[in-house]
Amino acid sequence: MDIDLVVSDVDGTLVTDDKRLTPAAIEAVRRLGVAGIGFTLASSRPPVGLRHLVEALDLRLPLGAFNGSTVCTPDLRPLSERLIPEAVAREAAARLDAAGIDLWVFADGAWNLRDGQAPYTDLERRTLRTEPNVVPDLSPLLARAAKIVGVSRDHAGLARVEEALAAELGGRAAVHCSQPYYLDVTPPGIDKGSFVADLGRQLGIPRQRIATLGDAANDIALFRESGLSIAMGNAAPAVRQAASRVTLGNDEDGFAHAINQFVFGDT
């Protein structure tokens, strides 16, 4: 296929489960650049969590953080930012608290939480390469929340809360599990797909010449805005079914395999 732009998810897609960027992935992105094909990221991560990827991959295009609701330059300067409406943020936080789920609030450019030793905080430190801001009360931050995350080791329980919270909030926020242990609440009316569509318009690249890669439910929106959609082998069945191609898993260099096979046509 003739592709001019590739947009990839990060966790579960571009990096391995232990958050490594492999030599094969780096080489695949370099190959795109040599061929004049643009490459960027659309992730549920905050901008700070993309910094080391920008440096390692020499990225030049705008990045979609917080599932596309914050768009920033490669030096992390914000180009646009949408916040969760305060009333909705408070409702979501109350619902997660009532369910006994740990709460993180991304606001004011920081990762904020109440317990710096709670489950998955070590993983998030490695992922973002930054320390959390530990505060006794998250309530004041809910007026400025770019993303709220419910965190739980009970993956099945978190999936049930995802379904219930999405129904309760309706279209007033986007609600998706970005990982089995993370339930993301982000601003309404914008997602990774809208980020790709906007970027394509800005660059003058039609949808048919855009390729996207992802592994989670929030990546299906990516797929809808591209001519070539690639699901990772580790993706859930519904995500694989929504894509036009399926590659290997993220721990099997599936990202590099997809670029080489489906974008460049290697056999």
Protein backbone atom coordinates (compact mmCIF):
# COMPACT_ATOMS: atom_id res chain seq x y z
CA MET A 1 0.00 0.00 0.00
CA ASP A 2 1.09 3.59 -0.61
CA ILE A 3 1.42 4.99 2.90
CA ASP A 4 2.52 8.53 3.77
CA LEU A 5 1.88 8.53 7.53
CA VAL A 6 2.05 5.90 10.29
CA VAL A 7 0.50 6.52 13.71
CA SER A 8 1.14 4.02 16.48
CA ASP A 9 -0.10 3.35 19.97
CA VAL A 10 2.70 2.88 22.51
CA ASP A 11 1.99 0.44 25.34
CA GLY A 12 1.22 -3.05 24.11
CA THR A 13 2.16 -1.97 20.59
CA LEU A 14 5.39 -0.05 20.03
CA VAL A 15 7.08 -1.21 23.26
CA THR A 16 7.33 -4.58 24.92
CA ASP A 17 5.45 -5.54 28.06
CA ASP A 18 8.46 -4.43 30.13
CA LYS A 19 8.32 -1.04 28.33
CA ARG A 20 11.40 -1.56 26.14
CA LEU A 21 11.86 -0.05 22.72
CA THR A 22 13.63 -2.82 20.80
CA PRO A 23 16.38 -2.33 18.20
CA ALA A 24 14.03 -3.72 15.55
CA ALA A 25 11.36 -1.14 16.41
CA ILE A 26 13.91 1.67 16.27
CA GLU A 27 15.16 0.44 12.90
CA ALA A 28 11.58 0.20 11.55
CA VAL A 29 10.93 3.84 12.46
CA ARG A 30 14.27 4.85 10.93
CA ARG A 31 13.28 3.03 7.74
CA LEU A 32 10.03 4.99 7.60
CA GLY A 33 11.96 8.24 7.86
CA VAL A 34 14.38 7.28 5.10
CA ALA A 35 11.40 6.50 2.87
CA GLY A 36 9.83 9.89 3.62
CA ILE A 37 6.93 8.36 5.56
CA GLY A 38 5.85 10.36 8.62
CA PHE A 39 5.63 8.67 11.99
CA THR A 40 4.10 9.72 15.29
CA LEU A 41 2.38 8.41 18.41
CA ALA A 42 -1.15 8.40 19.80
CA SER A 43 -1.12 7.19 23.39
CA SER A 44 -3.02 7.25 26.64
CA ARG A 45 0.24 8.36 28.27
CA PRO A 46 0.77 11.95 29.42
CA PRO A 47 3.20 14.04 27.36
CA VAL A 48 6.05 13.44 29.82
CA GLY A 49 5.74 9.70 29.20
CA LEU A 50 6.52 10.24 25.52
CA ARG A 51 9.71 12.26 26.00
CA HIS A 52 12.21 9.39 25.87
CA LEU A 53 10.47 7.90 22.82
CA VAL A 54 10.74 11.23 20.99
CA GLU A 55 14.45 11.26 21.71
CA ALA A 56 15.07 7.61 20.84
CA LEU A 57 13.08 7.76 17.59
CA ASP A 58 13.89 11.36 16.56
CA LEU A 59 10.19 12.17 16.15
CA ARG A 60 9.27 15.37 14.30
CA LEU A 61 5.45 15.42 14.10
CA PRO A 62 2.84 16.41 16.72
CA LEU A 63 2.04 13.74 19.32
CA GLY A 64 -1.37 12.73 20.67
CA ALA A 65 -1.23 12.27 24.45
CA PHE A 66 -4.10 11.33 26.78
CA ASN A 67 -5.78 9.43 23.91
CA GLY A 68 -5.50 12.48 21.66
CA SER A 69 -7.10 15.03 23.98
CA THR A 70 -3.73 16.76 24.46
CA VAL A 71 -1.65 17.42 21.35
CA CYS A 72 1.95 18.51 21.79
CA THR A 73 5.07 19.18 19.78
CA PRO A 74 8.03 16.78 20.01
CA ASP A 75 9.55 19.06 22.67
CA LEU A 76 6.27 18.57 24.60
CA ARG A 77 5.01 22.10 24.11
CA PRO A 78 1.18 21.87 24.14
CA LEU A 79 -0.60 22.72 20.91
CA SER A 80 -4.06 21.98 22.27
CA GLU A 81 -5.48 20.61 25.50
CA ARG A 82 -8.94 19.46 26.51
CA LEU A 83 -9.85 18.79 30.13
CA ILE A 84 -12.55 16.63 31.66
CA PRO A 85 -15.51 18.80 32.71
CA GLU A 86 -15.18 19.29 36.45
CA ALA A 87 -18.59 17.87 37.37
CA VAL A 88 -17.87 14.76 35.29
CA ALA A 89 -14.40 14.37 36.80
CA ARG A 90 -15.86 14.50 40.30
CA GLU A 91 -18.57 12.00 39.43
CA ALA A 92 -16.06 9.58 37.93
CA ALA A 93 -13.66 9.92 40.86
CA ALA A 94 -16.46 9.30 43.35
CA ARG A 95 -17.56 6.20 41.46
CA LEU A 96 -14.03 4.78 41.39
CA ASP A 97 -13.52 5.58 45.09
CA ALA A 98 -16.79 3.88 45.97
CA ALA A 99 -15.63 0.77 44.12
CA GLY A 100 -12.41 0.69 46.17
CA ILE A 101 -10.25 1.41 43.13
CA ASP A 102 -7.01 3.40 43.45
CA LEU A 103 -7.24 6.79 41.81
CA TRP A 104 -4.68 8.76 39.82
CA VAL A 105 -5.30 12.26 38.48
CA PHE A 106 -3.18 13.74 35.71
CA ALA A 107 -3.41 17.51 36.05
CA ASP A 108 -1.12 20.53 35.84
CA GLY A 109 1.38 18.44 33.90
CA ALA A 110 1.86 16.01 36.80
CA TRP A 111 0.92 12.47 37.80
CA ASN A 112 -0.92 12.87 41.09
CA LEU A 113 -1.92 10.16 43.57
CA ARG A 114 -2.47 9.54 47.27
CA ASP A 115 -0.27 6.49 47.86
CA GLY A 116 3.13 6.36 46.22
CA GLN A 117 3.45 2.62 46.98
CA ALA A 118 0.05 1.52 45.65
CA PRO A 119 -0.24 -1.23 43.01
CA TYR A 120 1.31 -0.48 39.62
CA THR A 121 3.05 2.71 40.78
CA ASP A 122 6.45 1.08 40.19
CA LEU A 123 5.36 0.10 36.70
CA GLU A 124 4.16 3.62 35.96
CA ARG A 125 7.43 5.09 37.23
CA ARG A 126 9.31 2.91 34.74
CA THR A 127 6.84 3.71 31.99
CA LEU A 128 6.79 7.48 32.40
CA ARG A 129 10.33 7.82 33.78
CA THR A 130 9.07 10.31 36.30
CA GLU A 131 7.98 10.36 39.95
CA PRO A 132 4.38 10.88 41.09
CA ASN A 133 3.20 13.88 43.03
CA VAL A 134 1.86 12.38 46.27
CA VAL A 135 -0.93 14.47 47.81
CA PRO A 136 -3.37 13.78 50.67
CA ASP A 137 -6.39 15.01 48.71
CA LEU A 138 -6.97 14.75 44.96
CA SER A 139 -10.21 16.71 45.04
CA PRO A 140 -8.73 20.16 44.18
CA LEU A 141 -7.11 18.68 41.06
CA LEU A 142 -10.40 17.43 39.62
CA ALA A 143 -11.18 20.90 38.32
CA ARG A 144 -8.10 20.64 36.08
CA ALA A 145 -7.96 16.94 35.20
CA ALA A 146 -6.73 15.92 31.76
CA LYS A 147 -7.06 12.23 32.64
CA ILE A 148 -8.31 10.17 35.57
CA VAL A 149 -7.11 6.60 35.96
CA GLY A 150 -8.66 3.87 38.05
CA VAL A 151 -6.02 1.28 38.97
CA SER A 152 -6.71 -2.24 40.18
CA ARG A 153 -5.18 -5.71 40.31
CA ASP A 154 -8.71 -7.09 39.88
CA HIS A 155 -8.81 -6.99 36.10
CA ALA A 156 -12.24 -8.56 35.75
CA GLY A 157 -13.67 -6.20 38.35
CA LEU A 158 -12.14 -3.21 36.61
CA ALA A 159 -13.71 -4.31 33.32
CA ARG A 160 -17.11 -4.40 35.04
CA VAL A 161 -16.56 -0.91 36.43
CA GLU A 162 -15.56 0.26 32.95
CA GLU A 163 -18.89 -0.89 31.52
CA ALA A 164 -20.91 0.61 34.37
CA LEU A 165 -19.04 3.93 34.42
CA ALA A 166 -19.27 4.33 30.66
CA ALA A 167 -23.03 3.84 30.90
CA GLU A 168 -23.36 6.28 33.80
CA LEU A 169 -21.33 9.03 32.15
CA GLY A 170 -22.80 8.51 28.70
CA GLY A 171 -21.09 10.83 26.24
CA ARG A 172 -19.83 13.20 28.95
CA ALA A 173 -16.41 11.50 29.01
CA ALA A 174 -14.51 8.77 27.20
CA VAL A 175 -14.10 5.65 29.35
CA HIS A 176 -11.74 2.85 28.26
CA CYS A 177 -9.37 0.33 29.80
CA SER A 178 -6.03 1.17 28.19
CA GLN A 179 -4.54 -1.85 29.99
CA PRO A 180 -6.30 -4.61 31.96
CA TYR A 181 -5.24 -2.79 35.15
CA TYR A 182 -5.84 0.84 34.03
CA LEU A 183 -9.27 2.39 33.47
CA ASP A 184 -8.88 5.76 31.74
CA VAL A 185 -11.38 8.59 31.88
CA THR A 186 -10.57 11.31 29.35
CA PRO A 187 -12.37 14.34 27.87
CA PRO A 188 -15.47 13.72 25.73
CA GLY A 189 -15.75 14.08 21.99
CA ILE A 190 -12.11 13.44 21.16
CA ASP A 191 -10.06 10.27 20.84
CA LYS A 192 -7.07 8.83 19.05
CA GLY A 193 -9.06 8.71 15.83
CA SER A 194 -9.87 12.41 15.89
CA PHE A 195 -6.17 13.12 16.49
CA VAL A 196 -5.26 11.11 13.39
CA ALA A 197 -7.97 12.74 11.29
CA ASP A 198 -6.86 16.24 12.33
CA LEU A 199 -3.20 15.45 11.69
CA GLY A 200 -4.01 13.99 8.29
CA ARG A 201 -5.88 17.15 7.33
CA GLN A 202 -3.03 19.36 8.53
CA LEU A 203 -0.50 17.38 6.52
CA GLY A 204 -2.74 17.01 3.48
CA ILE A 205 -2.65 13.21 3.68
CA PRO A 206 -5.86 11.35 2.80
CA ARG A 207 -7.18 8.66 5.09
CA GLN A 208 -6.31 5.91 2.59
CA ARG A 209 -2.60 6.73 2.87
CA ILE A 210 -2.48 6.52 6.67
CA ALA A 211 -1.52 3.37 8.59
CA THR A 212 -2.27 2.84 12.28
CA LEU A 213 -1.19 0.25 14.84
CA GLY A 214 -2.76 -0.63 18.21
CA ASP A 215 -3.71 -3.31 20.68
CA ALA A 216 -6.51 -2.00 22.94
CA ALA A 217 -10.15 -0.97 22.66
CA ASN A 218 -9.19 2.70 22.58
CA ASP A 219 -7.18 1.98 19.43
CA ILE A 220 -10.24 0.99 17.40
CA ALA A 221 -10.84 4.72 16.93
CA LEU A 222 -7.37 4.88 15.35
CA PHE A 223 -8.29 2.14 12.92
CA ARG A 224 -11.40 3.96 11.71
CA GLU A 225 -9.31 6.88 10.43
CA SER A 226 -6.76 4.91 8.41
CA GLY A 227 -6.60 2.98 5.19
CA LEU A 228 -4.33 0.36 6.73
CA SER A 229 -5.14 -0.68 10.30
CA ILE A 230 -2.91 -3.18 12.07
CA ALA A 231 -3.76 -4.94 15.33
CA MET A 232 -1.09 -6.51 17.47
CA GLY A 233 -1.13 -10.26 18.00
CA ASN A 234 -1.59 -9.63 21.72
CA ALA A 235 -4.76 -7.58 21.12
CA ALA A 236 -8.17 -8.77 22.26
CA PRO A 237 -10.31 -10.53 19.63
CA ALA A 238 -12.60 -7.51 19.15
CA VAL A 239 -9.59 -5.30 18.43
CA ARG A 240 -8.12 -7.79 15.95
CA GLN A 241 -11.48 -8.04 14.20
CA ALA A 242 -11.63 -4.25 13.83
CA ALA A 243 -8.29 -4.12 12.00
CA SER A 244 -7.50 -4.88 8.38
CA ARG A 245 -4.29 -6.73 9.31
CA VAL A 246 -2.89 -8.55 12.36
CA THR A 247 0.80 -8.72 13.19
CA LEU A 248 2.84 -10.55 15.83
CA GLY A 249 2.65 -9.69 19.52
CA ASN A 250 4.44 -6.72 21.03
CA ASP A 251 6.94 -9.05 22.74
CA GLU A 252 7.71 -10.64 19.36
CA ASP A 253 8.72 -7.43 17.56
CA GLY A 254 5.24 -7.25 16.07
CA PHE A 255 5.57 -3.51 15.45
CA ALA A 256 8.68 -3.92 13.29
CA HIS A 257 7.15 -6.94 11.57
CA ALA A 258 4.05 -4.92 10.66
CA ILE A 259 6.04 -1.99 9.25
CA ASN A 260 8.27 -4.23 7.19
CA GLN A 261 5.53 -6.55 5.92
CA PHE A 262 2.45 -4.39 5.58
CA VAL A 263 3.92 -0.94 4.87
CA PHE A 264 6.98 -1.92 2.82
CA GLY A 265 5.70 -5.22 1.47
CA ASP A 266 8.61 -7.41 2.61
CA THR A 267 8.03 -11.13 2.31
